[in-house]
Amino acid sequence: MIDYQYFQKSLNHLQAQFLNYQSLDPALPKLMQEAVAESVIQRFEVCYDCLWKVLKRYLVEVLGIPEVPKRALIPYTITAAKKPKRVCR
């Protein structure tokens, strides 16, 4: 049985910190706003890592795929989305 506890916990932390970011007082110093934004990014990275570990375990244990490299997910990530080409003039 696959344990989703760490992924669920990381997702809850991400949601809580994102809500904190959305409700920031605009009067706060810029440095504080950036610190909270960076915290949201860090929580996202941890959540993504936990998701990868759960997904990999599922693919190996349930579907019987012997080995799944992390780069197998790259075509499906946000960073792999096609970016508009810049025209140099």
N, C-alpha and C. Protein backbone atom coordinates (compact mmCIF):
# COMPACT_ATOMS: atom_id res chain seq x y z
N MET A 1 0.84 -1.19 0.00
CA MET A 1 0.00 0.00 0.00
C MET A 1 0.88 1.25 0.00
N ILE A 2 0.53 2.20 -0.79
CA ILE A 2 1.32 3.43 -0.93
C ILE A 2 0.85 4.44 0.11
N ASP A 3 1.82 5.02 0.81
CA ASP A 3 1.54 6.01 1.84
C ASP A 3 1.58 7.42 1.22
N TYR A 4 0.45 8.09 1.26
CA TYR A 4 0.34 9.43 0.68
C TYR A 4 0.51 10.52 1.73
N GLN A 5 0.86 10.14 2.94
CA GLN A 5 0.90 11.06 4.07
C GLN A 5 1.83 12.25 3.84
N TYR A 6 3.05 12.01 3.37
CA TYR A 6 4.01 13.10 3.18
C TYR A 6 3.59 14.02 2.03
N PHE A 7 3.06 13.42 0.98
CA PHE A 7 2.58 14.25 -0.14
C PHE A 7 1.41 15.12 0.32
N GLN A 8 0.48 14.52 1.05
CA GLN A 8 -0.68 15.28 1.54
C GLN A 8 -0.24 16.41 2.46
N LYS A 9 0.73 16.12 3.31
CA LYS A 9 1.23 17.14 4.23
C LYS A 9 1.90 18.28 3.46
N SER A 10 2.71 17.94 2.46
CA SER A 10 3.39 18.98 1.69
C SER A 10 2.38 19.80 0.88
N LEU A 11 1.34 19.15 0.38
CA LEU A 11 0.29 19.87 -0.36
C LEU A 11 -0.47 20.82 0.56
N ASN A 12 -0.76 20.38 1.77
CA ASN A 12 -1.44 21.25 2.74
C ASN A 12 -0.59 22.47 3.08
N HIS A 13 0.72 22.25 3.25
CA HIS A 13 1.62 23.38 3.54
C HIS A 13 1.68 24.35 2.36
N LEU A 14 1.71 23.81 1.15
CA LEU A 14 1.72 24.67 -0.04
C LEU A 14 0.44 25.50 -0.11
N GLN A 15 -0.69 24.87 0.11
CA GLN A 15 -1.96 25.60 0.06
C GLN A 15 -2.02 26.69 1.12
N ALA A 16 -1.57 26.37 2.33
CA ALA A 16 -1.60 27.34 3.42
C ALA A 16 -0.70 28.54 3.12
N GLN A 17 0.50 28.25 2.62
CA GLN A 17 1.42 29.35 2.33
C GLN A 17 0.95 30.18 1.14
N PHE A 18 0.32 29.55 0.17
CA PHE A 18 -0.20 30.30 -0.97
C PHE A 18 -1.33 31.22 -0.53
N LEU A 19 -2.20 30.74 0.35
CA LEU A 19 -3.26 31.60 0.90
C LEU A 19 -2.65 32.76 1.69
N ASN A 20 -1.59 32.48 2.41
CA ASN A 20 -0.87 33.53 3.14
C ASN A 20 -0.33 34.57 2.17
N TYR A 21 0.23 34.10 1.06
CA TYR A 21 0.76 35.01 0.03
C TYR A 21 -0.34 35.88 -0.58
N GLN A 22 -1.49 35.25 -0.84
CA GLN A 22 -2.59 36.01 -1.45
C GLN A 22 -3.17 37.06 -0.52
N SER A 23 -3.07 36.83 0.77
CA SER A 23 -3.66 37.78 1.72
C SER A 23 -2.64 38.74 2.32
N LEU A 24 -1.46 38.84 1.68
CA LEU A 24 -0.44 39.75 2.18
C LEU A 24 -0.91 41.21 2.14
N ASP A 25 -0.51 41.94 3.12
CA ASP A 25 -0.80 43.37 3.17
C ASP A 25 0.18 44.08 2.22
N PRO A 26 -0.34 44.80 1.22
CA PRO A 26 0.54 45.50 0.28
C PRO A 26 1.44 46.54 0.95
N ALA A 27 1.11 46.91 2.17
CA ALA A 27 1.91 47.90 2.88
C ALA A 27 3.18 47.29 3.49
N LEU A 28 3.27 45.97 3.47
CA LEU A 28 4.47 45.32 4.00
C LEU A 28 5.69 45.70 3.16
N PRO A 29 6.85 45.72 3.79
CA PRO A 29 8.06 46.02 3.01
C PRO A 29 8.25 45.00 1.88
N LYS A 30 8.83 45.45 0.80
CA LYS A 30 9.04 44.61 -0.39
C LYS A 30 9.83 43.35 -0.04
N LEU A 31 10.79 43.47 0.86
CA LEU A 31 11.60 42.32 1.26
C LEU A 31 10.74 41.23 1.91
N MET A 32 9.77 41.63 2.72
CA MET A 32 8.87 40.66 3.37
C MET A 32 7.98 39.98 2.34
N GLN A 33 7.49 40.76 1.37
CA GLN A 33 6.65 40.19 0.32
C GLN A 33 7.43 39.17 -0.50
N GLU A 34 8.68 39.50 -0.82
CA GLU A 34 9.52 38.58 -1.59
C GLU A 34 9.83 37.32 -0.79
N ALA A 35 10.02 37.46 0.51
CA ALA A 35 10.31 36.31 1.36
C ALA A 35 9.14 35.32 1.36
N VAL A 36 7.93 35.85 1.44
CA VAL A 36 6.75 34.98 1.42
C VAL A 36 6.59 34.33 0.04
N ALA A 37 6.84 35.09 -1.01
CA ALA A 37 6.76 34.53 -2.37
C ALA A 37 7.79 33.42 -2.56
N GLU A 38 8.99 33.62 -2.07
CA GLU A 38 10.02 32.59 -2.17
C GLU A 38 9.65 31.36 -1.36
N SER A 39 8.98 31.57 -0.25
CA SER A 39 8.52 30.45 0.57
C SER A 39 7.49 29.61 -0.18
N VAL A 40 6.61 30.27 -0.91
CA VAL A 40 5.61 29.55 -1.72
C VAL A 40 6.32 28.71 -2.78
N ILE A 41 7.33 29.28 -3.41
CA ILE A 41 8.08 28.54 -4.43
C ILE A 41 8.76 27.33 -3.81
N GLN A 42 9.35 27.52 -2.63
CA GLN A 42 10.01 26.40 -1.94
C GLN A 42 9.00 25.30 -1.60
N ARG A 43 7.83 25.70 -1.13
CA ARG A 43 6.79 24.71 -0.80
C ARG A 43 6.34 23.96 -2.05
N PHE A 44 6.28 24.67 -3.17
CA PHE A 44 5.91 24.02 -4.42
C PHE A 44 6.94 22.97 -4.80
N GLU A 45 8.22 23.32 -4.69
CA GLU A 45 9.28 22.39 -5.04
C GLU A 45 9.24 21.13 -4.17
N VAL A 46 9.00 21.30 -2.88
CA VAL A 46 8.91 20.16 -1.96
C VAL A 46 7.70 19.30 -2.33
N CYS A 47 6.59 19.94 -2.62
CA CYS A 47 5.37 19.23 -2.99
C CYS A 47 5.58 18.45 -4.29
N TYR A 48 6.23 19.06 -5.26
CA TYR A 48 6.51 18.41 -6.53
C TYR A 48 7.41 17.19 -6.32
N ASP A 49 8.41 17.34 -5.45
CA ASP A 49 9.30 16.23 -5.16
C ASP A 49 8.55 15.06 -4.50
N CYS A 50 7.67 15.39 -3.55
CA CYS A 50 6.87 14.34 -2.90
C CYS A 50 5.95 13.67 -3.91
N LEU A 51 5.36 14.45 -4.79
CA LEU A 51 4.49 13.88 -5.83
C LEU A 51 5.28 12.93 -6.71
N TRP A 52 6.49 13.32 -7.10
CA TRP A 52 7.31 12.46 -7.94
C TRP A 52 7.59 11.13 -7.23
N LYS A 53 7.91 11.19 -5.95
CA LYS A 53 8.22 9.96 -5.21
C LYS A 53 7.00 9.05 -5.11
N VAL A 54 5.83 9.63 -4.86
CA VAL A 54 4.61 8.83 -4.78
C VAL A 54 4.28 8.24 -6.15
N LEU A 55 4.40 9.04 -7.20
CA LEU A 55 4.10 8.57 -8.54
C LEU A 55 5.05 7.45 -8.95
N LYS A 56 6.32 7.62 -8.65
CA LYS A 56 7.30 6.60 -8.98
C LYS A 56 7.00 5.30 -8.25
N ARG A 57 6.68 5.40 -6.97
CA ARG A 57 6.35 4.21 -6.19
C ARG A 57 5.11 3.52 -6.77
N TYR A 58 4.13 4.32 -7.18
CA TYR A 58 2.92 3.75 -7.78
C TYR A 58 3.26 3.02 -9.09
N LEU A 59 4.06 3.66 -9.92
CA LEU A 59 4.41 3.04 -11.20
C LEU A 59 5.18 1.74 -11.00
N VAL A 60 6.04 1.69 -10.00
CA VAL A 60 6.83 0.49 -9.75
C VAL A 60 6.00 -0.59 -9.06
N GLU A 61 5.32 -0.22 -7.97
CA GLU A 61 4.61 -1.22 -7.16
C GLU A 61 3.29 -1.68 -7.76
N VAL A 62 2.53 -0.76 -8.32
CA VAL A 62 1.19 -1.11 -8.81
C VAL A 62 1.22 -1.53 -10.28
N LEU A 63 1.91 -0.76 -11.11
CA LEU A 63 1.93 -1.06 -12.53
C LEU A 63 3.08 -1.98 -12.94
N GLY A 64 4.04 -2.16 -12.05
CA GLY A 64 5.13 -3.08 -12.33
C GLY A 64 6.17 -2.56 -13.30
N ILE A 65 6.25 -1.27 -13.47
CA ILE A 65 7.29 -0.69 -14.33
C ILE A 65 8.59 -0.76 -13.54
N PRO A 66 9.63 -1.40 -14.09
CA PRO A 66 10.83 -1.65 -13.30
C PRO A 66 11.59 -0.41 -12.85
N GLU A 67 11.78 0.56 -13.71
CA GLU A 67 12.51 1.76 -13.34
C GLU A 67 12.00 2.94 -14.14
N VAL A 68 11.74 4.02 -13.45
CA VAL A 68 11.20 5.21 -14.11
C VAL A 68 12.14 6.37 -13.81
N PRO A 69 12.86 6.86 -14.82
CA PRO A 69 13.75 8.01 -14.57
C PRO A 69 12.94 9.29 -14.37
N LYS A 70 13.45 10.17 -13.55
CA LYS A 70 12.75 11.42 -13.25
C LYS A 70 12.55 12.26 -14.51
N ARG A 71 13.46 12.17 -15.43
CA ARG A 71 13.34 12.95 -16.65
C ARG A 71 12.17 12.49 -17.53
N ALA A 72 11.56 11.36 -17.17
CA ALA A 72 10.40 10.87 -17.92
C ALA A 72 9.23 11.84 -17.81
N LEU A 73 9.19 12.62 -16.73
CA LEU A 73 8.10 13.57 -16.53
C LEU A 73 8.36 14.93 -17.16
N ILE A 74 9.57 15.19 -17.57
CA ILE A 74 9.92 16.52 -18.08
C ILE A 74 9.00 17.02 -19.19
N PRO A 75 8.60 16.16 -20.15
CA PRO A 75 7.71 16.68 -21.20
C PRO A 75 6.35 17.15 -20.68
N TYR A 76 6.00 16.79 -19.44
CA TYR A 76 4.68 17.13 -18.90
C TYR A 76 4.73 18.22 -17.85
N THR A 77 5.88 18.84 -17.63
CA THR A 77 5.99 19.87 -16.62
C THR A 77 5.77 21.26 -17.21
N ILE A 78 5.57 22.19 -16.34
CA ILE A 78 5.33 23.57 -16.76
C ILE A 78 6.56 24.13 -17.46
N THR A 79 7.74 23.79 -16.97
CA THR A 79 8.96 24.34 -17.55
C THR A 79 9.20 23.83 -18.96
N ALA A 80 8.58 22.72 -19.30
CA ALA A 80 8.77 22.16 -20.64
C ALA A 80 7.81 22.77 -21.66
N ALA A 81 6.92 23.63 -21.17
CA ALA A 81 5.97 24.26 -22.10
C ALA A 81 6.73 25.08 -23.13
N LYS A 82 6.21 25.11 -24.33
CA LYS A 82 6.89 25.86 -25.39
C LYS A 82 6.84 27.34 -25.09
N LYS A 83 8.00 27.93 -25.16
CA LYS A 83 8.10 29.37 -24.95
C LYS A 83 8.15 30.06 -26.28
N PRO A 84 7.59 31.25 -26.36
CA PRO A 84 7.64 31.95 -27.65
C PRO A 84 9.08 32.25 -28.03
N LYS A 85 9.37 32.11 -29.31
CA LYS A 85 10.72 32.38 -29.78
C LYS A 85 10.94 33.89 -29.84
N ARG A 86 12.12 34.29 -29.43
CA ARG A 86 12.46 35.71 -29.49
C ARG A 86 13.18 35.97 -30.81
N VAL A 87 12.81 37.04 -31.42
CA VAL A 87 13.43 37.41 -32.67
C VAL A 87 14.48 38.48 -32.38
N CYS A 88 15.71 38.17 -32.72
CA CYS A 88 16.79 39.13 -32.51
C CYS A 88 16.86 40.04 -33.71
N ARG A 89 16.98 41.31 -33.48
CA ARG A 89 17.06 42.27 -34.59
C ARG A 89 18.29 43.11 -34.45
